[in-house]
Amino acid sequence: MKRPEPLTTGSGPLTRQDLGPPWALSGNELRVKRRIKPAYFILPEPTKATLGVRLRYLRQQAVLTIEELCRKTGVSTGAIPKLERDKAPVLRPWVLERILPFLSKSLKQAFPESGGDPYDFLVPPVTFGKWLRNQGMRLALQVKDFATRLRVEEFTVIRYEADQSRPDPAVQQRLRRLLKLDGKPLPFLEDGRNRPDD
């Protein structure tokens, strides 16, 4: 049986050094185990942090990348980075409604001044108008949606939210049904507080 001719490099027979280290030879594998420590974002002074900084903190505490959060919520990959950098031109309530359930792990740490409630942080319900806007954000309702549900004009809702007007008893009843407050008084109205002429 004829022996195969040795491989050459052009300047002589091929040696082991020409083949490189043993793990580079065919049939061998080099397995490298990499340990990557997760990076944690710290909120040193949460009461001074912007909404975007707080949202970024919540996402990282939930161990979610932007892509993962977008995939879970259906929010576009451009919306969340803008929120986290405080670059979003308009804060859309429906975006918050989608992402906050996935970021609920550390709400108390991120929003200590409002007891862990991000909506009370954004719009403190200190008057009827602000309370109404707060409730609209929780339900991801825009002014036109509120107007349709309450059967009033959009401008009327704007006046409600600006504390320039109060809903009449019929609208108040529709508002109770919408917010599932049947049998409960509406804040700031039925006790005489927060009247437009106060």
Protein backbone atom coordinates (compact mmCIF):
# COMPACT_ATOMS: atom_id res chain seq x y z
CA MET A 1 0.00 0.00 0.00
CA LYS A 2 1.40 3.32 -1.02
CA ARG A 3 1.85 5.81 1.81
CA PRO A 4 0.29 9.27 1.24
CA GLU A 5 2.75 12.01 0.52
CA PRO A 6 3.27 14.47 3.39
CA LEU A 7 1.60 17.87 3.18
CA THR A 8 3.91 20.76 2.42
CA THR A 9 3.81 24.52 2.97
CA GLY A 10 5.83 25.37 -0.10
CA SER A 11 9.01 25.66 1.91
CA GLY A 12 9.06 22.13 3.30
CA PRO A 13 6.94 19.50 5.02
CA LEU A 14 3.98 20.71 7.10
CA THR A 15 4.86 20.61 10.79
CA ARG A 16 2.69 20.63 13.95
CA GLN A 17 3.57 24.27 14.49
CA ASP A 18 2.02 25.13 11.13
CA LEU A 19 -1.29 23.64 12.30
CA GLY A 20 -1.52 25.94 15.28
CA PRO A 21 -2.51 24.94 18.83
CA PRO A 22 -4.04 21.49 19.45
CA TRP A 23 -7.58 22.85 19.95
CA ALA A 24 -7.54 24.26 16.41
CA LEU A 25 -7.14 20.81 14.85
CA SER A 26 -10.12 19.22 13.14
CA GLY A 27 -12.22 17.13 15.48
CA ASN A 28 -11.37 19.12 18.59
CA GLU A 29 -13.41 21.86 20.21
CA LEU A 30 -12.49 24.67 22.55
CA ARG A 31 -15.24 25.55 24.97
CA VAL A 32 -14.91 28.91 26.64
CA LYS A 33 -17.18 29.61 29.56
CA ARG A 34 -17.87 33.30 29.95
CA ARG A 35 -19.38 34.77 33.07
CA ILE A 36 -20.92 38.17 32.54
CA LYS A 37 -22.01 39.99 35.64
CA PRO A 38 -25.30 41.87 35.16
CA ALA A 39 -25.09 45.64 35.43
CA TYR A 40 -27.46 47.19 37.93
CA PHE A 41 -28.63 50.77 37.65
CA ILE A 42 -28.80 52.57 41.00
CA LEU A 43 -31.21 55.35 41.89
CA PRO A 44 -29.25 57.35 44.47
CA GLU A 45 -31.92 60.06 44.95
CA PRO A 46 -35.19 58.79 43.50
CA THR A 47 -37.18 61.86 44.56
CA LYS A 48 -34.97 64.00 42.32
CA ALA A 49 -34.95 61.60 39.37
CA THR A 50 -36.92 62.23 36.18
CA LEU A 51 -39.60 59.86 34.96
CA GLY A 52 -37.24 58.49 32.32
CA VAL A 53 -34.53 57.68 34.86
CA ARG A 54 -37.09 55.93 37.06
CA LEU A 55 -38.44 53.87 34.16
CA ARG A 56 -34.94 52.80 33.20
CA TYR A 57 -34.31 51.77 36.81
CA LEU A 58 -37.53 49.73 36.87
CA ARG A 59 -36.69 47.98 33.59
CA GLN A 60 -33.23 47.02 34.76
CA GLN A 61 -34.56 45.85 38.12
CA ALA A 62 -36.93 43.61 36.17
CA VAL A 63 -33.87 42.28 34.26
CA LEU A 64 -35.35 43.21 30.90
CA THR A 65 -33.62 44.64 27.85
CA ILE A 66 -35.39 47.29 25.81
CA GLU A 67 -35.99 44.72 23.07
CA GLU A 68 -37.50 42.23 25.52
CA LEU A 69 -39.81 44.84 27.03
CA CYS A 70 -40.92 45.95 23.57
CA ARG A 71 -41.62 42.35 22.58
CA LYS A 72 -43.69 41.72 25.72
CA THR A 73 -45.70 44.93 25.48
CA GLY A 74 -46.03 45.51 21.76
CA VAL A 75 -44.59 49.03 22.16
CA SER A 76 -42.27 50.15 19.37
CA THR A 77 -38.52 49.87 19.95
CA GLY A 78 -38.18 53.63 19.53
CA ALA A 79 -40.76 54.64 22.16
CA ILE A 80 -39.14 53.17 25.26
CA PRO A 81 -35.63 54.63 24.69
CA LYS A 82 -37.25 58.06 24.21
CA LEU A 83 -39.16 57.65 27.46
CA GLU A 84 -36.03 56.62 29.34
CA ARG A 85 -34.10 59.61 27.97
CA ASP A 86 -37.04 61.97 28.67
CA LYS A 87 -37.14 62.76 24.95
CA ALA A 88 -40.73 61.69 24.23
CA PRO A 89 -42.61 64.77 22.96
CA VAL A 90 -45.90 63.48 24.43
CA LEU A 91 -46.42 61.07 27.31
CA ARG A 92 -48.97 58.63 25.94
CA PRO A 93 -51.03 56.95 28.70
CA TRP A 94 -51.52 53.74 26.72
CA VAL A 95 -47.73 53.24 26.60
CA LEU A 96 -47.52 53.44 30.40
CA GLU A 97 -50.53 51.14 30.72
CA ARG A 98 -48.69 48.49 28.70
CA ILE A 99 -45.23 48.69 30.24
CA LEU A 100 -45.93 49.31 33.94
CA PRO A 101 -47.33 45.81 34.67
CA PHE A 102 -43.92 44.40 33.67
CA LEU A 103 -42.06 46.93 35.82
CA SER A 104 -44.04 46.60 39.05
CA LYS A 105 -41.29 44.88 41.04
CA SER A 106 -39.68 48.06 42.42
CA LEU A 107 -42.35 50.74 42.13
CA LYS A 108 -42.07 51.78 45.78
CA GLN A 109 -38.34 52.36 45.40
CA ALA A 110 -38.79 54.30 42.16
CA PHE A 111 -41.75 56.44 43.32
CA PRO A 112 -41.34 56.81 47.09
CA GLU A 113 -43.06 60.20 47.27
CA SER A 114 -46.31 58.75 45.91
CA GLY A 115 -46.24 55.43 47.77
CA GLY A 116 -45.11 53.53 44.68
CA ASP A 117 -47.90 54.88 42.46
CA PRO A 118 -46.44 56.27 39.20
CA TYR A 119 -49.74 57.90 38.20
CA ASP A 120 -49.95 59.85 41.47
CA PHE A 121 -46.36 60.94 40.84
CA LEU A 122 -47.18 62.19 37.34
CA VAL A 123 -50.48 63.85 38.23
CA PRO A 124 -51.00 64.22 42.00
CA PRO A 125 -54.78 64.04 42.58
CA VAL A 126 -55.00 67.20 44.67
CA THR A 127 -58.06 68.70 42.93
CA PHE A 128 -61.00 67.23 41.06
CA GLY A 129 -59.48 68.18 37.71
CA LYS A 130 -56.16 66.55 38.50
CA TRP A 131 -57.93 63.51 39.95
CA LEU A 132 -59.95 63.18 36.73
CA ARG A 133 -56.82 63.41 34.60
CA ASN A 134 -55.12 60.88 36.88
CA GLN A 135 -57.99 58.44 36.36
CA GLY A 136 -57.90 59.00 32.61
CA MET A 137 -54.20 58.10 32.52
CA ARG A 138 -54.86 54.90 34.47
CA LEU A 139 -57.47 53.86 31.91
CA ALA A 140 -55.37 55.14 28.97
CA LEU A 141 -58.23 57.45 27.99
CA GLN A 142 -57.59 60.54 25.92
CA VAL A 143 -59.76 63.64 26.18
CA LYS A 144 -61.88 62.59 23.20
CA ASP A 145 -62.43 59.14 24.74
CA PHE A 146 -63.53 60.70 28.02
CA ALA A 147 -65.86 63.06 26.16
CA THR A 148 -67.46 60.18 24.25
CA ARG A 149 -67.98 58.07 27.39
CA LEU A 150 -69.39 60.99 29.38
CA ARG A 151 -71.42 62.30 26.43
CA VAL A 152 -70.00 65.80 26.61
CA GLU A 153 -67.86 67.97 24.36
CA GLU A 154 -64.06 67.59 24.41
CA PHE A 155 -63.73 71.22 25.51
CA THR A 156 -65.94 70.40 28.50
CA VAL A 157 -63.55 67.66 29.63
CA ILE A 158 -60.64 70.08 29.22
CA ARG A 159 -62.47 72.52 31.50
CA TYR A 160 -63.08 69.75 34.03
CA GLU A 161 -59.39 68.86 34.08
CA ALA A 162 -58.40 72.52 34.42
CA ASP A 163 -60.80 72.91 37.40
CA GLN A 164 -62.73 75.56 35.49
CA SER A 165 -65.98 73.66 35.57
CA ARG A 166 -67.69 70.80 37.39
CA PRO A 167 -69.80 68.01 35.88
CA ASP A 168 -73.54 68.18 36.48
CA PRO A 169 -75.28 65.31 38.37
CA ALA A 170 -76.05 63.35 35.18
CA VAL A 171 -72.40 63.47 34.03
CA GLN A 172 -71.25 62.62 37.53
CA GLN A 173 -73.39 59.48 37.44
CA ARG A 174 -71.91 58.44 34.08
CA LEU A 175 -68.45 59.11 35.48
CA ARG A 176 -69.15 56.84 38.46
CA ARG A 177 -70.21 54.05 36.14
CA LEU A 178 -67.17 54.53 33.92
CA LEU A 179 -64.78 54.38 36.88
CA LYS A 180 -66.81 51.68 38.65
CA LEU A 181 -67.52 53.93 41.60
CA ASP A 182 -71.25 53.22 41.87
CA GLY A 183 -72.46 54.21 45.31
CA LYS A 184 -69.25 56.09 46.13
CA PRO A 185 -68.83 59.87 46.15
CA LEU A 186 -66.58 61.51 43.60
CA PRO A 187 -63.54 63.13 45.24
CA PHE A 188 -63.56 66.91 45.71
CA LEU A 189 -67.15 67.33 44.50
CA GLU A 190 -69.80 66.08 46.84
CA ASP A 191 -68.24 67.58 49.96
CA GLY A 192 -68.20 71.06 48.43
CA ARG A 193 -64.45 71.32 47.99
CA ASN A 194 -62.67 72.43 44.85
CA ARG A 195 -65.45 74.59 43.44
CA PRO A 196 -64.54 76.79 40.47
CA ASP A 197 -65.45 79.88 42.47
CA ASP A 198 -63.40 78.88 45.55
